[in-house]
Amino acid sequence: MIFFFVLLLLVLLAQIAEFFIPVLPWLYDAHVYVVPVIVFYGAMALPFPLMLALALYAGILLDALTVQVIGGKVEISTGSSILIYGVLAGVMHGLRPLFARGRWEVHCILSGVFTSLIVLAQYLMITFRRGSIVFTREIWWQIGGPGLVAMAMAPILFWFLQWMGRMTAYSYQPERGRLE
C-alpha cells in the first residue's frame, strides 16, 4: 500500500515538473510527458482497483491543467482525461501477465504509443470543438514526439519504479514463469 502512495506522490511531482521541463527543439518543440509512463507502470504493477484509482488521480490532475473555456465554449471537457487514462491503463493492466514474466518490452513500446494517443485525443477534442481539423507535419511531431520520448524514458522509469517497489517492500514482485 505504501508503494501506491509513492506512485501518487510521483505523479503529482511529475505533473509539476512537466511545467519546468523545456520542449525539445530538435523534435519540433515536442513536450516531455512523464506522468503517463508512471501511470502505465502503475497499471502493470498494481491490482485493478488501485490502478483505477491511480488513473482517476492522474486524470483529475491533467483535467485541472487542460480544461479550457474560450469564448463560453469548453475546449477540453472535464472528465475526458480520466476516461482516456482509465481506458489506456486498463489495456496496459490486461497485459500484466507479460510483466509478471519480466517482459517489459511491449509495455515500454505501448507507453510511448499510449502517450501519443493521449495527446492525439486532446488535439482531436480541441479541433472538433473549433471545427477545423488540420494535420501538418509539425502537428504530427507534436503528437508523436512525446510518444517517442516516453518510449525512450520508459525502461529507465520502469527500472526506477521497480526499485522503489522493492524499497517499499511492495508484495508484488515479477517472477519469471509465474502468472497472476
C-alpha atoms as a PDB file:
ATOM      1  CA  MET A   1       0.000   0.000   0.000  1.00  0.00           C
ATOM      2  CA  ILE A   2       2.943   2.311   0.637  1.00  0.00           C
ATOM      3  CA  PHE A   3       4.005   1.827  -2.982  1.00  0.00           C
ATOM      4  CA  PHE A   4       0.612   3.090  -4.175  1.00  0.00           C
ATOM      5  CA  PHE A   5       1.054   6.301  -2.184  1.00  0.00           C
ATOM      6  CA  VAL A   6       4.602   6.638  -3.532  1.00  0.00           C
ATOM      7  CA  LEU A   7       3.144   6.418  -7.069  1.00  0.00           C
ATOM      8  CA  LEU A   8       0.545   9.070  -6.203  1.00  0.00           C
ATOM      9  CA  LEU A   9       3.276  11.375  -4.934  1.00  0.00           C
ATOM     10  CA  LEU A  10       5.436  10.715  -8.004  1.00  0.00           C
ATOM     11  CA  VAL A  11       2.507  11.500 -10.320  1.00  0.00           C
ATOM     12  CA  LEU A  12       1.970  14.821  -8.534  1.00  0.00           C
ATOM     13  CA  LEU A  13       5.677  15.697  -8.626  1.00  0.00           C
ATOM     14  CA  ALA A  14       5.980  14.676 -12.290  1.00  0.00           C
ATOM     15  CA  GLN A  15       2.917  16.744 -13.210  1.00  0.00           C
ATOM     16  CA  ILE A  16       4.519  19.789 -11.587  1.00  0.00           C
ATOM     17  CA  ALA A  17       7.930  19.027 -13.123  1.00  0.00           C
ATOM     18  CA  GLU A  18       6.419  18.893 -16.617  1.00  0.00           C
ATOM     19  CA  PHE A  19       5.886  22.657 -16.391  1.00  0.00           C
ATOM     20  CA  PHE A  20       9.609  23.183 -15.992  1.00  0.00           C
ATOM     21  CA  ILE A  21      10.895  20.613 -18.485  1.00  0.00           C
ATOM     22  CA  PRO A  22      11.698  22.523 -21.673  1.00  0.00           C
ATOM     23  CA  VAL A  23      10.333  21.436 -25.030  1.00  0.00           C
ATOM     24  CA  LEU A  24      12.668  19.572 -27.351  1.00  0.00           C
ATOM     25  CA  PRO A  25      13.588  21.943 -30.183  1.00  0.00           C
ATOM     26  CA  TRP A  26      15.182  19.177 -32.258  1.00  0.00           C
ATOM     27  CA  LEU A  27      11.836  17.297 -32.181  1.00  0.00           C
ATOM     28  CA  TYR A  28       9.636  20.167 -33.464  1.00  0.00           C
ATOM     29  CA  ASP A  29       9.158  21.525 -29.928  1.00  0.00           C
ATOM     30  CA  ALA A  30       7.630  18.296 -28.626  1.00  0.00           C
ATOM     31  CA  HIS A  31       6.794  18.211 -24.920  1.00  0.00           C
ATOM     32  CA  VAL A  32       8.111  15.665 -22.448  1.00  0.00           C
ATOM     33  CA  TYR A  33       5.377  13.820 -20.538  1.00  0.00           C
ATOM     34  CA  VAL A  34       6.466  11.735 -17.563  1.00  0.00           C
ATOM     35  CA  VAL A  35       3.103  11.189 -15.854  1.00  0.00           C
ATOM     36  CA  PRO A  36       1.698   8.731 -18.417  1.00  0.00           C
ATOM     37  CA  VAL A  37       4.736   6.473 -18.051  1.00  0.00           C
ATOM     38  CA  ILE A  38       4.297   6.399 -14.268  1.00  0.00           C
ATOM     39  CA  VAL A  39       0.570   5.689 -14.615  1.00  0.00           C
ATOM     40  CA  PHE A  40       1.199   2.893 -17.113  1.00  0.00           C
ATOM     41  CA  TYR A  41       3.770   1.321 -14.801  1.00  0.00           C
ATOM     42  CA  GLY A  42       1.202   1.514 -12.013  1.00  0.00           C
ATOM     43  CA  ALA A  43      -1.305  -0.175 -14.328  1.00  0.00           C
ATOM     44  CA  MET A  44       1.041  -3.141 -14.609  1.00  0.00           C
ATOM     45  CA  ALA A  45       2.192  -3.341 -11.008  1.00  0.00           C
ATOM     46  CA  LEU A  46      -0.980  -2.534  -9.049  1.00  0.00           C
ATOM     47  CA  PRO A  47      -4.156  -4.550  -8.600  1.00  0.00           C
ATOM     48  CA  PHE A  48      -7.131  -3.403 -10.671  1.00  0.00           C
ATOM     49  CA  PRO A  49      -8.874  -1.164  -8.062  1.00  0.00           C
ATOM     50  CA  LEU A  50      -5.650   0.690  -7.233  1.00  0.00           C
ATOM     51  CA  MET A  51      -4.857   1.004 -10.940  1.00  0.00           C
ATOM     52  CA  LEU A  52      -8.229   2.669 -11.477  1.00  0.00           C
ATOM     53  CA  ALA A  53      -7.606   4.986  -8.523  1.00  0.00           C
ATOM     54  CA  LEU A  54      -4.210   5.973  -9.961  1.00  0.00           C
ATOM     55  CA  ALA A  55      -5.764   6.623 -13.388  1.00  0.00           C
ATOM     56  CA  LEU A  56      -8.512   8.708 -11.747  1.00  0.00           C
ATOM     57  CA  TYR A  57      -5.927  10.749  -9.823  1.00  0.00           C
ATOM     58  CA  ALA A  58      -3.742  11.364 -12.877  1.00  0.00           C
ATOM     59  CA  GLY A  59      -6.796  12.201 -14.970  1.00  0.00           C
ATOM     60  CA  ILE A  60      -8.054  14.732 -12.423  1.00  0.00           C
ATOM     61  CA  LEU A  61      -4.639  16.402 -12.330  1.00  0.00           C
ATOM     62  CA  LEU A  62      -4.457  16.542 -16.128  1.00  0.00           C
ATOM     63  CA  ASP A  63      -8.031  17.839 -16.372  1.00  0.00           C
ATOM     64  CA  ALA A  64      -7.231  20.553 -13.858  1.00  0.00           C
ATOM     65  CA  LEU A  65      -4.461  21.716 -16.167  1.00  0.00           C
ATOM     66  CA  THR A  66      -6.081  21.287 -19.587  1.00  0.00           C
ATOM     67  CA  VAL A  67      -9.738  22.236 -19.174  1.00  0.00           C
ATOM     68  CA  GLN A  68     -10.163  25.433 -21.133  1.00  0.00           C
ATOM     69  CA  VAL A  69     -13.142  27.680 -21.603  1.00  0.00           C
ATOM     70  CA  ILE A  70     -12.644  30.037 -24.518  1.00  0.00           C
ATOM     71  CA  GLY A  71     -15.455  32.364 -25.566  1.00  0.00           C
ATOM     72  CA  GLY A  72     -18.030  30.491 -23.498  1.00  0.00           C
ATOM     73  CA  LYS A  73     -17.139  27.154 -25.145  1.00  0.00           C
ATOM     74  CA  VAL A  74     -15.376  24.316 -23.359  1.00  0.00           C
ATOM     75  CA  GLU A  75     -12.416  23.131 -25.437  1.00  0.00           C
ATOM     76  CA  ILE A  76     -11.473  20.025 -23.438  1.00  0.00           C
ATOM     77  CA  SER A  77     -14.238  18.872 -21.140  1.00  0.00           C
ATOM     78  CA  THR A  78     -13.736  17.808 -17.555  1.00  0.00           C
ATOM     79  CA  GLY A  79     -13.519  14.064 -17.154  1.00  0.00           C
ATOM     80  CA  SER A  80     -12.130  13.340 -20.584  1.00  0.00           C
ATOM     81  CA  SER A  81      -8.582  12.795 -19.306  1.00  0.00           C
ATOM     82  CA  ILE A  82      -9.901  10.495 -16.594  1.00  0.00           C
ATOM     83  CA  LEU A  83     -11.650   8.390 -19.218  1.00  0.00           C
ATOM     84  CA  ILE A  84      -8.607   8.322 -21.504  1.00  0.00           C
ATOM     85  CA  TYR A  85      -6.247   7.338 -18.675  1.00  0.00           C
ATOM     86  CA  GLY A  86      -8.720   4.725 -17.408  1.00  0.00           C
ATOM     87  CA  VAL A  87      -9.126   3.026 -20.781  1.00  0.00           C
ATOM     88  CA  LEU A  88      -5.434   3.044 -21.684  1.00  0.00           C
ATOM     89  CA  ALA A  89      -4.350   1.933 -18.202  1.00  0.00           C
ATOM     90  CA  GLY A  90      -6.965  -0.839 -18.405  1.00  0.00           C
ATOM     91  CA  VAL A  91      -5.424  -2.096 -21.635  1.00  0.00           C
ATOM     92  CA  MET A  92      -1.977  -1.975 -20.047  1.00  0.00           C
ATOM     93  CA  HIS A  93      -3.313  -3.819 -16.990  1.00  0.00           C
ATOM     94  CA  GLY A  94      -4.624  -6.539 -19.292  1.00  0.00           C
ATOM     95  CA  LEU A  95      -1.034  -7.186 -20.379  1.00  0.00           C
ATOM     96  CA  ARG A  96       0.077  -7.656 -16.790  1.00  0.00           C
ATOM     97  CA  PRO A  97       0.898 -11.379 -17.249  1.00  0.00           C
ATOM     98  CA  LEU A  98       3.720 -10.391 -19.596  1.00  0.00           C
ATOM     99  CA  PHE A  99       5.026  -8.042 -16.947  1.00  0.00           C
ATOM    100  CA  ALA A 100       4.801 -10.825 -14.371  1.00  0.00           C
ATOM    101  CA  ARG A 101       7.147 -12.870 -16.582  1.00  0.00           C
ATOM    102  CA  GLY A 102       9.610  -9.990 -16.647  1.00  0.00           C
ATOM    103  CA  ARG A 103       8.813  -8.973 -20.235  1.00  0.00           C
ATOM    104  CA  TRP A 104       8.812  -5.158 -20.276  1.00  0.00           C
ATOM    105  CA  GLU A 105       9.413  -4.598 -23.980  1.00  0.00           C
ATOM    106  CA  VAL A 106       5.764  -4.471 -25.007  1.00  0.00           C
ATOM    107  CA  HIS A 107       4.916  -2.179 -22.113  1.00  0.00           C
ATOM    108  CA  CYS A 108       7.727   0.247 -22.974  1.00  0.00           C
ATOM    109  CA  ILE A 109       6.520   0.478 -26.566  1.00  0.00           C
ATOM    110  CA  LEU A 110       2.887   0.818 -25.502  1.00  0.00           C
ATOM    111  CA  SER A 111       3.811   3.574 -23.038  1.00  0.00           C
ATOM    112  CA  GLY A 112       5.019   5.613 -25.989  1.00  0.00           C
ATOM    113  CA  VAL A 113       2.062   4.748 -28.193  1.00  0.00           C
ATOM    114  CA  PHE A 114      -0.443   5.483 -25.434  1.00  0.00           C
ATOM    115  CA  THR A 115       1.244   8.790 -24.561  1.00  0.00           C
ATOM    116  CA  SER A 116       0.826   9.832 -28.185  1.00  0.00           C
ATOM    117  CA  LEU A 117      -2.810   8.670 -28.061  1.00  0.00           C
ATOM    118  CA  ILE A 118      -3.436  10.945 -25.065  1.00  0.00           C
ATOM    119  CA  VAL A 119      -2.039  13.935 -26.960  1.00  0.00           C
ATOM    120  CA  LEU A 120      -3.954  12.945 -30.121  1.00  0.00           C
ATOM    121  CA  ALA A 121      -7.213  12.661 -28.177  1.00  0.00           C
ATOM    122  CA  GLN A 122      -6.720  16.122 -26.692  1.00  0.00           C
ATOM    123  CA  TYR A 123      -5.896  17.562 -30.123  1.00  0.00           C
ATOM    124  CA  LEU A 124      -8.981  15.962 -31.677  1.00  0.00           C
ATOM    125  CA  MET A 125     -11.221  17.288 -28.890  1.00  0.00           C
ATOM    126  CA  ILE A 126      -9.932  20.809 -29.443  1.00  0.00           C
ATOM    127  CA  THR A 127     -10.158  20.675 -33.236  1.00  0.00           C
ATOM    128  CA  PHE A 128     -13.647  19.168 -33.246  1.00  0.00           C
ATOM    129  CA  ARG A 129     -14.849  21.955 -30.964  1.00  0.00           C
ATOM    130  CA  ARG A 130     -13.210  24.588 -33.155  1.00  0.00           C
ATOM    131  CA  GLY A 131     -14.465  22.934 -36.330  1.00  0.00           C
ATOM    132  CA  SER A 132     -11.190  22.704 -38.195  1.00  0.00           C
ATOM    133  CA  ILE A 133      -9.062  19.580 -38.312  1.00  0.00           C
ATOM    134  CA  VAL A 134      -5.617  20.210 -39.733  1.00  0.00           C
ATOM    135  CA  PHE A 135      -2.733  17.766 -39.644  1.00  0.00           C
ATOM    136  CA  THR A 136       0.569  19.257 -40.694  1.00  0.00           C
ATOM    137  CA  ARG A 137       4.000  17.751 -40.276  1.00  0.00           C
ATOM    138  CA  GLU A 138       4.609  19.848 -37.168  1.00  0.00           C
ATOM    139  CA  ILE A 139       1.332  18.717 -35.602  1.00  0.00           C
ATOM    140  CA  TRP A 140       2.218  15.070 -36.207  1.00  0.00           C
ATOM    141  CA  TRP A 141       5.552  15.685 -34.484  1.00  0.00           C
ATOM    142  CA  GLN A 142       3.730  17.402 -31.586  1.00  0.00           C
ATOM    143  CA  ILE A 143       1.627  14.235 -31.250  1.00  0.00           C
ATOM    144  CA  GLY A 144       4.255  11.585 -31.992  1.00  0.00           C
ATOM    145  CA  GLY A 145       7.272  13.281 -30.414  1.00  0.00           C
ATOM    146  CA  PRO A 146       6.077  12.902 -26.810  1.00  0.00           C
ATOM    147  CA  GLY A 147       5.390   9.244 -27.544  1.00  0.00           C
ATOM    148  CA  LEU A 148       8.913   8.700 -28.807  1.00  0.00           C
ATOM    149  CA  VAL A 149      10.324  10.426 -25.738  1.00  0.00           C
ATOM    150  CA  ALA A 150       8.068   8.375 -23.437  1.00  0.00           C
ATOM    151  CA  MET A 151       9.140   5.191 -25.206  1.00  0.00           C
ATOM    152  CA  ALA A 152      12.787   6.110 -24.621  1.00  0.00           C
ATOM    153  CA  MET A 153      12.176   7.050 -20.964  1.00  0.00           C
ATOM    154  CA  ALA A 154      10.027   4.019 -20.127  1.00  0.00           C
ATOM    155  CA  PRO A 155      12.784   1.435 -19.481  1.00  0.00           C
ATOM    156  CA  ILE A 156      14.635   3.809 -17.146  1.00  0.00           C
ATOM    157  CA  LEU A 157      11.479   4.843 -15.278  1.00  0.00           C
ATOM    158  CA  PHE A 158      10.213   1.252 -15.099  1.00  0.00           C
ATOM    159  CA  TRP A 159      13.519   0.148 -13.617  1.00  0.00           C
ATOM    160  CA  PHE A 160      13.434   3.019 -11.101  1.00  0.00           C
ATOM    161  CA  LEU A 161       9.819   2.283 -10.134  1.00  0.00           C
ATOM    162  CA  GLN A 162      10.606  -1.427  -9.810  1.00  0.00           C
ATOM    163  CA  TRP A 163      13.423  -0.485  -7.449  1.00  0.00           C
ATOM    164  CA  MET A 164      11.036   1.788  -5.499  1.00  0.00           C
ATOM    165  CA  GLY A 165       8.624  -1.125  -5.185  1.00  0.00           C
ATOM    166  CA  ARG A 166      11.351  -3.259  -3.689  1.00  0.00           C
ATOM    167  CA  MET A 167      12.426  -0.471  -1.311  1.00  0.00           C
ATOM    168  CA  THR A 168       8.855  -0.083  -0.034  1.00  0.00           C
ATOM    169  CA  ALA A 169       8.512  -3.871   0.336  1.00  0.00           C
ATOM    170  CA  TYR A 170       5.687  -3.979  -2.170  1.00  0.00           C
ATOM    171  CA  SER A 171       4.435  -7.567  -2.174  1.00  0.00           C
ATOM    172  CA  TYR A 172       4.084  -7.881  -5.950  1.00  0.00           C
ATOM    173  CA  GLN A 173       7.422  -8.859  -7.431  1.00  0.00           C
ATOM    174  CA  PRO A 174       7.566 -10.084 -11.028  1.00  0.00           C
ATOM    175  CA  GLU A 175       8.905 -13.588 -11.240  1.00  0.00           C
ATOM    176  CA  ARG A 176       9.799 -15.480 -14.358  1.00  0.00           C
ATOM    177  CA  GLY A 177       7.345 -18.246 -15.141  1.00  0.00           C
ATOM    178  CA  ARG A 178       4.744 -17.103 -12.622  1.00  0.00           C
ATOM    179  CA  LEU A 179       1.397 -15.853 -13.879  1.00  0.00           C
ATOM    180  CA  GLU A 180      -1.217 -13.976 -11.969  1.00  0.00           C
END
